[in-house]
């Protein structure tokens, strides 16, 4: 490589915003419906949105009510080669049209049913395309499995950092030690045990983590959201995400009136659990009927939001950042490169420095002052927390609304029109390289998953001896022999 080429690559690597990222953001903004092009909108100004895999490992070994997977999902064999190939293809497509950087979820059925080596290979394939992957799991696996994913054959970390989202709620059946939980509180030890594995991973191998806690909310457990929030806030999770149930997936598991649980009702209970108001209006991902979130510091039990929607100076700082620095990547960037990026951004817009410093001071003040923060940090009581509610839509509306959108038709029916507006501003997309399109997650689960799983049953039929439909356990171990051979399925599961 010539000196000129090396210099060009260095300049591009340290540019505050990659030109491909900028182009992808501008395209995303143009595609948003007018109602979503608001001052607080982050899509198209700061991020292209989240991404997820599909059709890669639909099988799960727990039974949930509701379940967003189709009735055929558990009739598909777990196959590591299929998973890795399809993840790579989907991520390559996303890299080509959504730019060099985005957050992506390794999601299907249960990710820990993948042999550990294939799980790791899928994460590496995602990272190779500039995606920051998060493995979506029910959390019912052991520390040895986590080690097999994170460590290579020589016991060395494959990753500097891993991200996992664990789903815990009393609507899930089959968890070891809590086969039929009677309350959310019964699951607190399991929530704690899961998070502690990653604390141990950092202690034992120096691998950092980002942990999200997910919970489906229905009329039967909505009143327990407060208790879950209060308990999980004391655990080492970085994000708490709640999803009001929707009529999607296997209709055999629709046993309640999910319409009773609204995004407002869930947020109110999260606030009760946090013991304070959680302002969210300063930023928005997609449609406010779909998503609500806030991020800030938690200092000795007090949450200090990064942005206060009632503070004009905070909003002015937000607008400056989005106008000049939206799309700048901070995560998973080497520190020397990040330092140069920040320096170049500051030199390009020196007028932004005082407002951003002022914002930092106000956050410190909301947290109770610098001394209080220092004391909290020494006691391990200072952390960043994110609260999220994702409000999915019913298949009954999504299917006809999407059919009209595919034809370029705006619905006359007000319910379907609202559905189209929400789909058009969706923050969570899945890639279909075979026909060159992205689809919203609600469309994937409502319309496409059932068809995909029928085909996957043909491509990946269940195998093994015993009862009809049985599948042989997937056995995984580290070739180094550091852990014993074990099964990813329990006997009789």
Protein backbone atom coordinates (compact mmCIF):
# COMPACT_ATOMS: atom_id res chain seq x y z
CA UNK A 1 0.00 0.00 0.00
CA UNK A 2 1.38 3.39 -0.99
CA UNK A 3 1.90 6.22 1.48
CA UNK A 4 -0.86 8.19 -0.22
CA UNK A 5 -3.32 5.29 0.15
CA UNK A 6 -2.38 4.84 3.81
CA UNK A 7 -2.89 8.53 4.45
CA UNK A 8 -6.25 8.41 2.72
CA UNK A 9 -7.39 5.45 4.86
CA UNK A 10 -6.19 7.17 8.03
CA UNK A 11 -8.05 10.34 7.13
CA UNK A 12 -11.24 8.38 6.45
CA UNK A 13 -10.91 6.32 9.65
CA UNK A 14 -10.53 9.45 11.78
CA UNK A 15 -13.17 11.52 10.00
CA UNK A 16 -15.89 12.39 12.55
CA UNK A 17 -18.67 11.03 10.34
CA UNK A 18 -17.96 8.44 7.66
CA UNK A 19 -19.33 9.63 4.27
CA UNK A 20 -21.24 6.36 3.82
CA UNK A 21 -22.85 6.86 7.22
CA UNK A 22 -23.82 10.38 6.27
CA UNK A 23 -25.39 9.21 3.01
CA UNK A 24 -27.29 6.42 4.77
CA UNK A 25 -28.62 8.85 7.38
CA UNK A 26 -29.78 11.31 4.74
CA UNK A 27 -31.56 8.51 2.89
CA UNK A 28 -33.22 7.31 6.08
CA UNK A 29 -34.44 10.83 6.87
CA UNK A 30 -35.94 11.25 3.39
CA UNK A 31 -37.80 7.96 3.77
CA UNK A 32 -39.41 8.88 7.10
CA UNK A 33 -43.09 9.87 6.98
CA UNK A 34 -43.57 13.62 7.54
CA UNK A 35 -45.09 13.08 10.98
CA UNK A 36 -41.82 11.47 12.15
CA UNK A 37 -39.51 14.22 10.86
CA UNK A 38 -39.50 16.05 14.17
CA UNK A 39 -36.80 17.99 15.98
CA UNK A 40 -36.31 15.20 18.51
CA UNK A 41 -36.14 12.42 15.91
CA UNK A 42 -32.91 10.41 16.02
CA UNK A 43 -33.55 8.22 12.98
CA UNK A 44 -31.88 9.77 9.98
CA UNK A 45 -30.02 12.27 12.13
CA UNK A 46 -28.06 10.18 14.61
CA UNK A 47 -28.73 6.55 13.66
CA UNK A 48 -30.18 4.48 10.83
CA UNK A 49 -31.93 2.27 13.37
CA UNK A 50 -31.46 -1.22 14.75
CA UNK A 51 -31.21 -4.37 12.67
CA UNK A 52 -32.03 -8.01 13.28
CA UNK A 53 -31.53 -11.44 11.75
CA UNK A 54 -34.35 -13.70 10.62
CA UNK A 55 -34.79 -17.26 9.40
CA UNK A 56 -31.55 -18.40 11.03
CA UNK A 57 -32.51 -20.43 14.14
CA UNK A 58 -36.26 -20.18 14.87
CA UNK A 59 -36.33 -23.04 17.39
CA UNK A 60 -36.69 -22.38 21.14
CA UNK A 61 -36.75 -24.68 24.17
CA UNK A 62 -39.09 -22.59 26.35
CA UNK A 63 -42.81 -22.09 25.92
CA UNK A 64 -44.11 -18.53 26.21
CA UNK A 65 -47.58 -17.01 26.11
CA UNK A 66 -47.55 -15.00 23.96
CA UNK A 67 -44.88 -16.15 21.52
CA UNK A 68 -44.07 -14.05 18.46
CA UNK A 69 -42.80 -17.04 16.48
CA UNK A 70 -45.07 -18.98 14.15
CA UNK A 71 -46.41 -22.42 15.01
CA UNK A 72 -43.78 -24.03 12.75
CA UNK A 73 -40.78 -22.44 14.47
CA UNK A 74 -40.03 -25.44 16.71
CA UNK A 75 -40.23 -27.83 13.78
CA UNK A 76 -37.00 -26.46 12.29
CA UNK A 77 -33.60 -27.99 13.10
CA UNK A 78 -30.88 -25.84 14.64
CA UNK A 79 -28.05 -25.79 12.09
CA UNK A 80 -24.92 -23.75 12.73
CA UNK A 81 -23.71 -23.62 9.12
CA UNK A 82 -27.10 -22.39 7.93
CA UNK A 83 -27.11 -19.74 10.66
CA UNK A 84 -23.63 -18.41 9.94
CA UNK A 85 -24.15 -18.35 6.14
CA UNK A 86 -27.45 -16.49 6.38
CA UNK A 87 -26.24 -14.07 9.04
CA UNK A 88 -23.25 -13.21 6.85
CA UNK A 89 -25.44 -12.68 3.78
CA UNK A 90 -27.92 -10.47 5.65
CA UNK A 91 -25.21 -8.38 7.30
CA UNK A 92 -23.39 -7.86 3.99
CA UNK A 93 -26.59 -6.50 2.51
CA UNK A 94 -27.14 -4.21 5.48
CA UNK A 95 -23.56 -2.94 5.27
CA UNK A 96 -24.09 -2.07 1.63
CA UNK A 97 -27.23 -0.01 2.07
CA UNK A 98 -27.13 1.20 5.69
CA UNK A 99 -23.52 2.21 6.02
CA UNK A 100 -20.49 0.94 7.90
CA UNK A 101 -21.92 0.99 11.41
CA UNK A 102 -25.14 -0.07 13.15
CA UNK A 103 -26.46 -2.09 16.07
CA UNK A 104 -27.78 -5.52 15.07
CA UNK A 105 -29.48 -8.30 17.00
CA UNK A 106 -28.59 -11.96 16.57
CA UNK A 107 -32.14 -13.12 17.02
CA UNK A 108 -34.26 -16.07 16.03
CA UNK A 109 -35.57 -18.57 18.54
CA UNK A 110 -33.07 -19.22 21.33
CA UNK A 111 -29.49 -18.29 20.47
CA UNK A 112 -27.94 -20.58 23.09
CA UNK A 113 -29.27 -23.63 21.22
CA UNK A 114 -26.59 -22.86 18.65
CA UNK A 115 -23.35 -24.72 19.22
CA UNK A 116 -21.04 -22.22 20.89
CA UNK A 117 -18.57 -22.17 17.99
CA UNK A 118 -21.35 -21.27 15.55
CA UNK A 119 -22.72 -18.64 17.91
CA UNK A 120 -19.26 -17.06 18.01
CA UNK A 121 -18.86 -17.34 14.23
CA UNK A 122 -22.17 -15.56 13.70
CA UNK A 123 -21.08 -12.70 15.98
CA UNK A 124 -17.77 -12.43 14.14
CA UNK A 125 -19.59 -12.34 10.80
CA UNK A 126 -21.71 -9.46 12.07
CA UNK A 127 -18.69 -7.55 13.34
CA UNK A 128 -16.91 -8.08 10.02
CA UNK A 129 -19.66 -6.02 8.38
CA UNK A 130 -19.43 -3.20 10.91
CA UNK A 131 -22.38 -4.36 12.97
CA UNK A 132 -22.32 -4.22 16.79
CA UNK A 133 -24.12 -7.48 17.62
CA UNK A 134 -26.36 -8.31 20.55
CA UNK A 135 -27.31 -11.93 21.24
CA UNK A 136 -30.99 -12.33 22.17
CA UNK A 137 -31.61 -15.09 24.73
CA UNK A 138 -33.89 -16.37 27.48
CA UNK A 139 -30.76 -16.54 29.63
CA UNK A 140 -31.15 -20.20 30.63
CA UNK A 141 -27.60 -21.31 29.91
CA UNK A 142 -24.48 -21.84 31.99
CA UNK A 143 -21.22 -19.95 32.39
CA UNK A 144 -19.35 -22.70 30.51
CA UNK A 145 -21.43 -22.02 27.40
CA UNK A 146 -20.69 -18.31 27.65
CA UNK A 147 -16.98 -19.09 27.91
CA UNK A 148 -17.19 -21.32 24.84
CA UNK A 149 -18.72 -18.44 22.88
CA UNK A 150 -16.32 -15.76 24.07
CA UNK A 151 -13.02 -17.69 24.24
CA UNK A 152 -11.17 -19.30 21.34
CA UNK A 153 -9.57 -22.73 21.26
CA UNK A 154 -6.59 -21.47 23.25
CA UNK A 155 -8.73 -19.85 25.93
CA UNK A 156 -8.14 -16.32 24.63
CA UNK A 157 -11.01 -13.82 24.24
CA UNK A 158 -12.42 -13.55 20.75
CA UNK A 159 -14.07 -10.25 21.67
CA UNK A 160 -13.18 -7.21 23.75
CA UNK A 161 -16.87 -6.75 24.53
CA UNK A 162 -20.06 -8.76 24.18
CA UNK A 163 -23.69 -7.66 24.26
CA UNK A 164 -26.56 -9.88 25.39
CA UNK A 165 -30.26 -9.21 25.91
CA UNK A 166 -31.92 -11.64 28.31
CA UNK A 167 -35.69 -12.08 28.38
CA UNK A 168 -37.22 -12.87 31.76
CA UNK A 169 -40.90 -12.86 32.62
CA UNK A 170 -43.46 -15.05 34.33
CA UNK A 171 -45.15 -15.82 31.00
CA UNK A 172 -42.26 -18.16 30.11
CA UNK A 173 -42.48 -21.89 30.85
CA UNK A 174 -39.66 -24.43 31.08
CA UNK A 175 -36.81 -22.48 32.67
CA UNK A 176 -34.58 -24.68 34.83
CA UNK A 177 -35.52 -24.08 38.46
CA UNK A 178 -38.62 -22.06 37.54
CA UNK A 179 -40.62 -24.24 35.17
CA UNK A 180 -43.90 -22.43 35.88
CA UNK A 181 -43.11 -19.20 37.74
CA UNK A 182 -46.03 -17.81 39.72
CA UNK A 183 -44.70 -14.25 39.94
CA UNK A 184 -42.03 -11.98 38.54
CA UNK A 185 -40.30 -11.88 41.93
CA UNK A 186 -39.69 -15.62 41.65
CA UNK A 187 -37.40 -14.89 38.70
CA UNK A 188 -35.19 -12.32 40.43
CA UNK A 189 -32.51 -14.89 41.39
CA UNK A 190 -32.33 -15.99 37.76
CA UNK A 191 -32.03 -12.41 36.56
CA UNK A 192 -29.23 -11.84 39.04
CA UNK A 193 -27.46 -15.10 38.19
CA UNK A 194 -27.47 -14.30 34.48
CA UNK A 195 -25.99 -10.83 34.95
CA UNK A 196 -23.37 -12.15 37.38
CA UNK A 197 -21.97 -14.44 34.68
CA UNK A 198 -20.84 -11.36 32.80
CA UNK A 199 -19.38 -9.77 35.92
CA UNK A 200 -17.36 -12.97 36.30
CA UNK A 201 -16.41 -12.85 32.62
CA UNK A 202 -14.93 -9.40 33.11
CA UNK A 203 -13.11 -10.51 36.26
CA UNK A 204 -11.78 -13.74 34.78
CA UNK A 205 -10.98 -12.69 31.21
CA UNK A 206 -11.22 -8.90 30.94
CA UNK A 207 -14.15 -8.97 28.51
CA UNK A 208 -16.54 -6.03 28.84
CA UNK A 209 -20.28 -6.38 28.47
CA UNK A 210 -23.49 -4.55 27.67
CA UNK A 211 -26.57 -6.22 29.16
CA UNK A 212 -30.22 -5.59 28.43
CA UNK A 213 -33.15 -7.00 30.40
CA UNK A 214 -36.30 -7.67 28.36
CA UNK A 215 -39.80 -8.36 29.66
CA UNK A 216 -43.09 -8.97 27.86
CA UNK A 217 -46.02 -7.24 29.55
CA UNK A 218 -49.64 -8.46 29.54
CA UNK A 219 -52.61 -7.80 31.84
CA UNK A 220 -51.44 -10.66 34.05
CA UNK A 221 -48.07 -9.10 34.95
CA UNK A 222 -48.40 -5.38 34.20
CA UNK A 223 -48.82 -4.60 37.90
CA UNK A 224 -45.47 -6.31 38.57
CA UNK A 225 -43.51 -4.01 36.23
CA UNK A 226 -42.89 -1.68 39.18
CA UNK A 227 -41.36 -4.49 41.25
CA UNK A 228 -39.24 -5.75 38.34
CA UNK A 229 -37.94 -2.24 37.65
CA UNK A 230 -37.01 -1.70 41.27
CA UNK A 231 -35.20 -5.05 41.51
CA UNK A 232 -33.38 -5.01 38.16
CA UNK A 233 -32.10 -1.47 38.75
CA UNK A 234 -29.92 -2.94 41.49
CA UNK A 235 -28.48 -5.53 39.11
CA UNK A 236 -25.68 -4.94 36.57
CA UNK A 237 -27.98 -4.43 33.57
CA UNK A 238 -27.41 -1.42 31.33
CA UNK A 239 -30.85 -1.38 29.72
CA UNK A 240 -34.34 -2.26 30.86
CA UNK A 241 -36.69 -2.93 27.96
CA UNK A 242 -40.40 -3.70 28.24
CA UNK A 243 -42.65 -4.88 25.41
CA UNK A 244 -46.44 -4.72 25.73
CA UNK A 245 -47.73 -7.92 24.16
CA UNK A 246 -49.27 -7.90 20.70
CA UNK A 247 -51.28 -10.41 18.71
CA UNK A 248 -48.38 -11.69 16.63
CA UNK A 249 -47.11 -15.21 16.03
CA UNK A 250 -48.60 -18.41 17.41
CA UNK A 251 -52.29 -17.70 18.00
CA UNK A 252 -52.58 -20.79 20.22
CA UNK A 253 -50.81 -18.76 22.91
CA UNK A 254 -53.07 -15.69 22.88
CA UNK A 255 -54.84 -15.98 26.23
CA UNK A 256 -55.44 -12.39 27.32
CA UNK A 257 -56.73 -9.06 26.04
CA UNK A 258 -53.37 -7.50 25.22
CA UNK A 259 -55.06 -4.26 24.22
CA UNK A 260 -55.50 -3.41 27.91
CA UNK A 261 -51.75 -2.77 28.25
CA UNK A 262 -50.71 0.53 26.68
CA UNK A 263 -47.32 2.17 26.30
CA UNK A 264 -48.42 4.89 28.75
CA UNK A 265 -49.53 2.36 31.36
CA UNK A 266 -46.22 0.48 31.19
CA UNK A 267 -44.16 3.69 31.38
CA UNK A 268 -46.08 4.84 34.46
CA UNK A 269 -45.22 1.61 36.24
CA UNK A 270 -41.56 1.85 35.24
CA UNK A 271 -41.50 5.34 36.78
CA UNK A 272 -43.02 3.99 40.00
CA UNK A 273 -40.32 1.35 40.15
CA UNK A 274 -37.61 3.93 39.50
CA UNK A 275 -39.12 6.18 42.17
CA UNK A 276 -39.21 9.26 39.95
CA UNK A 277 -40.35 10.69 36.64
CA UNK A 278 -38.37 9.51 33.60
CA UNK A 279 -38.55 12.24 30.94
CA UNK A 280 -38.39 10.84 27.40
CA UNK A 281 -39.73 13.56 25.10
CA UNK A 282 -36.32 15.11 24.28
CA UNK A 283 -35.44 12.29 21.88
CA UNK A 284 -37.43 9.87 19.75
CA UNK A 285 -36.60 6.71 17.80
CA UNK A 286 -39.19 6.26 15.06
CA UNK A 287 -42.85 6.67 15.97
CA UNK A 288 -43.81 7.65 19.55
CA UNK A 289 -46.66 5.14 19.38
CA UNK A 290 -44.03 2.42 18.94
CA UNK A 291 -41.02 3.43 21.03
CA UNK A 292 -40.25 5.40 24.14
CA UNK A 293 -36.81 5.67 25.78
CA UNK A 294 -34.57 7.72 28.00
CA UNK A 295 -30.92 7.42 28.98
CA UNK A 296 -28.97 8.89 31.86
CA UNK A 297 -26.81 8.28 34.90
CA UNK A 298 -28.03 6.50 37.99
CA UNK A 299 -26.16 7.84 41.01
CA UNK A 300 -26.85 6.19 44.38
CA UNK A 301 -30.46 5.46 43.45
CA UNK A 302 -31.21 8.74 41.62
CA UNK A 303 -31.61 8.78 37.85
CA UNK A 304 -30.22 11.89 36.14
CA UNK A 305 -31.51 12.04 32.53
CA UNK A 306 -29.06 13.09 29.86
CA UNK A 307 -31.64 15.50 28.44
CA UNK A 308 -34.44 17.35 30.20
CA UNK A 309 -37.18 18.21 27.67
CA UNK A 310 -38.23 21.16 29.87
CA UNK A 311 -34.74 22.72 29.83
CA UNK A 312 -34.21 24.95 26.73
CA UNK A 313 -30.42 24.79 27.06
CA UNK A 314 -30.55 21.00 26.94
CA UNK A 315 -32.64 21.12 23.78
CA UNK A 316 -30.29 23.66 22.20
CA UNK A 317 -27.32 21.39 22.94
CA UNK A 318 -29.22 18.45 21.47
CA UNK A 319 -29.93 20.35 18.28
CA UNK A 320 -26.30 21.40 17.89
CA UNK A 321 -25.10 17.83 18.37
CA UNK A 322 -27.58 16.36 15.89
CA UNK A 323 -26.87 19.07 13.30
CA UNK A 324 -23.09 18.74 13.41
CA UNK A 325 -22.20 15.38 14.95
CA UNK A 326 -25.15 13.03 14.36
CA UNK A 327 -23.82 9.81 12.89
CA UNK A 328 -20.49 10.00 14.71
CA UNK A 329 -19.62 6.54 16.04
CA UNK A 330 -18.28 6.31 19.59
CA UNK A 331 -18.68 2.61 20.42
CA UNK A 332 -16.12 -0.05 19.54
CA UNK A 333 -13.67 2.50 18.13
CA UNK A 334 -9.99 2.32 19.19
CA UNK A 335 -9.30 5.05 21.73
CA UNK A 336 -6.56 6.79 19.70
CA UNK A 337 -8.84 6.90 16.65
CA UNK A 338 -11.76 8.15 18.73
CA UNK A 339 -9.59 10.89 20.25
CA UNK A 340 -8.67 12.15 16.79
CA UNK A 341 -12.32 11.97 15.66
CA UNK A 342 -13.43 14.07 18.62
CA UNK A 343 -10.60 16.56 18.11
CA UNK A 344 -11.49 16.99 14.43
CA UNK A 345 -15.17 17.44 15.31
CA UNK A 346 -14.31 20.08 17.92
CA UNK A 347 -12.05 21.96 15.51
CA UNK A 348 -14.73 21.91 12.83
CA UNK A 349 -17.42 23.25 15.20
CA UNK A 350 -15.75 25.03 18.12
CA UNK A 351 -18.99 26.82 18.96
CA UNK A 352 -20.49 23.52 20.06
CA UNK A 353 -18.04 23.05 22.93
CA UNK A 354 -19.54 25.51 25.47
CA UNK A 355 -23.14 24.24 25.07
CA UNK A 356 -22.02 20.61 25.44
CA UNK A 357 -19.93 21.44 28.50
CA UNK A 358 -22.95 23.22 29.92
CA UNK A 359 -25.05 20.11 29.29
CA UNK A 360 -22.53 17.96 31.14
CA UNK A 361 -22.64 20.34 34.11
CA UNK A 362 -26.43 20.20 34.24
CA UNK A 363 -26.38 16.39 34.20
CA UNK A 364 -23.92 16.45 37.11
CA UNK A 365 -26.18 18.87 38.94
CA UNK A 366 -29.23 16.64 38.36
CA UNK A 367 -27.21 13.73 39.74
CA UNK A 368 -26.59 15.62 42.99
CA UNK A 369 -23.20 17.15 42.29
CA UNK A 370 -19.69 15.96 41.53
CA UNK A 371 -18.88 14.90 45.11
CA UNK A 372 -21.95 12.72 45.29
CA UNK A 373 -21.01 11.13 41.96
CA UNK A 374 -17.48 10.39 43.17
CA UNK A 375 -18.76 8.82 46.38
CA UNK A 376 -21.27 6.75 44.41
CA UNK A 377 -18.57 5.59 41.98
CA UNK A 378 -16.36 4.43 44.85
CA UNK A 379 -19.25 2.35 46.21
CA UNK A 380 -20.15 0.94 42.80
CA UNK A 381 -23.37 2.93 42.75
CA UNK A 382 -22.81 4.93 39.57
CA UNK A 383 -23.86 3.58 36.20
CA UNK A 384 -25.52 4.55 32.94
CA UNK A 385 -29.05 3.22 32.51
CA UNK A 386 -31.45 3.15 29.58
CA UNK A 387 -35.20 2.62 29.89
CA UNK A 388 -37.13 1.48 26.81
CA UNK A 389 -40.65 0.46 25.84
CA UNK A 390 -41.23 -1.17 22.43
CA UNK A 391 -44.89 -1.34 21.50
CA UNK A 392 -45.46 -3.88 18.71
CA UNK A 393 -48.53 -4.04 16.47
CA UNK A 394 -51.10 -6.78 15.88
CA UNK A 395 -50.75 -8.97 12.80
CA UNK A 396 -54.40 -8.32 11.96
CA UNK A 397 -53.53 -4.72 11.10
CA UNK A 398 -49.94 -5.19 9.92
CA UNK A 399 -50.69 -7.69 7.15
CA UNK A 400 -53.25 -5.61 5.19
CA UNK A 401 -51.39 -2.35 5.85
CA UNK A 402 -48.16 -3.83 4.49
CA UNK A 403 -49.91 -5.30 1.46
CA UNK A 404 -51.13 -1.81 0.56
CA UNK A 405 -47.70 -0.28 1.19
CA UNK A 406 -46.14 -2.81 -1.18
CA UNK A 407 -48.53 -1.52 -3.83
CA UNK A 408 -47.79 2.11 -2.99
CA UNK A 409 -51.33 2.70 -1.71
CA UNK A 410 -52.14 4.85 1.32
CA UNK A 411 -54.94 3.24 3.32
CA UNK A 412 -58.29 4.98 3.69
CA UNK A 413 -59.12 3.12 6.88
CA UNK A 414 -57.78 5.20 9.81
CA UNK A 415 -56.48 2.15 11.71
CA UNK A 416 -54.58 0.83 8.69
CA UNK A 417 -53.30 4.31 7.89
CA UNK A 418 -51.91 4.63 11.40
CA UNK A 419 -50.31 1.21 10.99
CA UNK A 420 -48.69 2.35 7.74
CA UNK A 421 -47.35 5.47 9.43
CA UNK A 422 -45.79 3.40 12.17
CA UNK A 423 -44.31 0.88 9.73
CA UNK A 424 -42.86 3.70 7.65
CA UNK A 425 -41.01 5.09 10.64
CA UNK A 426 -39.94 1.73 12.11
CA UNK A 427 -36.57 1.76 13.89
CA UNK A 428 -36.03 -2.02 13.64
CA UNK A 429 -35.40 -3.55 10.23
CA UNK A 430 -34.56 -6.98 8.83
CA UNK A 431 -32.73 -7.62 5.57
CA UNK A 432 -33.92 -9.64 2.58
CA UNK A 433 -30.96 -9.74 0.19
CA UNK A 434 -32.74 -12.19 -2.10
CA UNK A 435 -35.17 -9.52 -3.26
CA UNK A 436 -33.27 -6.39 -2.23
CA UNK A 437 -35.44 -4.93 0.52
CA UNK A 438 -35.65 -4.16 4.21
CA UNK A 439 -38.77 -4.92 6.19
CA UNK A 440 -39.95 -3.70 9.61
CA UNK A 441 -39.82 -6.26 12.42
CA UNK A 442 -43.60 -6.29 12.81
CA UNK A 443 -43.91 -7.24 9.14
CA UNK A 444 -41.30 -9.94 9.53
CA UNK A 445 -43.12 -11.56 12.45
CA UNK A 446 -46.66 -10.98 11.18
CA UNK A 447 -46.31 -11.71 7.48
CA UNK A 448 -43.02 -13.30 6.53
CA UNK A 449 -42.00 -15.60 9.42
CA UNK A 450 -44.83 -18.12 8.88
CA UNK A 451 -43.87 -18.52 5.21
CA UNK A 452 -40.16 -18.69 5.99
CA UNK A 453 -40.62 -21.36 8.65
CA UNK A 454 -42.63 -23.56 6.31
CA UNK A 455 -39.71 -23.48 3.89
CA UNK A 456 -37.18 -23.97 6.69
CA UNK A 457 -38.99 -27.14 7.76
CA UNK A 458 -38.20 -28.51 4.32
CA UNK A 459 -34.59 -27.28 4.27
CA UNK A 460 -33.81 -28.11 7.90
CA UNK A 461 -36.08 -31.00 8.95
CA UNK A 462 -35.86 -32.34 12.48
CA UNK A 463 -33.69 -35.44 12.78
CA UNK A 464 -32.98 -38.08 15.42
CA UNK A 465 -34.38 -41.23 16.90
CA UNK A 466 -37.28 -41.54 19.30
CA UNK A 467 -40.68 -39.96 19.13
CA UNK A 468 -41.89 -38.27 15.97
CA UNK A 469 -40.49 -34.80 15.68
CA UNK A 470 -37.63 -35.46 18.11
CA UNK A 471 -34.27 -33.85 17.51
CA UNK A 472 -30.91 -35.08 18.67
CA UNK A 473 -29.23 -32.81 21.22
CA UNK A 474 -26.57 -30.47 19.86
CA UNK A 475 -23.39 -31.28 21.75
CA UNK A 476 -20.71 -28.61 22.05
CA UNK A 477 -17.35 -28.37 23.77
CA UNK A 478 -14.18 -26.34 23.48
CA UNK A 479 -11.60 -28.30 21.45
CA UNK A 480 -9.07 -27.26 24.09
CA UNK A 481 -10.89 -29.49 26.56
CA UNK A 482 -11.12 -26.73 29.17
CA UNK A 483 -14.74 -27.59 29.83
CA UNK A 484 -16.52 -30.95 29.66
CA UNK A 485 -18.73 -31.99 26.79
CA UNK A 486 -22.34 -31.10 27.49
CA UNK A 487 -25.67 -30.79 25.78
CA UNK A 488 -27.35 -27.54 24.86
CA UNK A 489 -30.67 -29.25 25.57
CA UNK A 490 -31.84 -30.82 28.78
CA UNK A 491 -32.94 -34.42 28.65
CA UNK A 492 -36.64 -34.60 27.92
CA UNK A 493 -36.90 -30.90 27.00
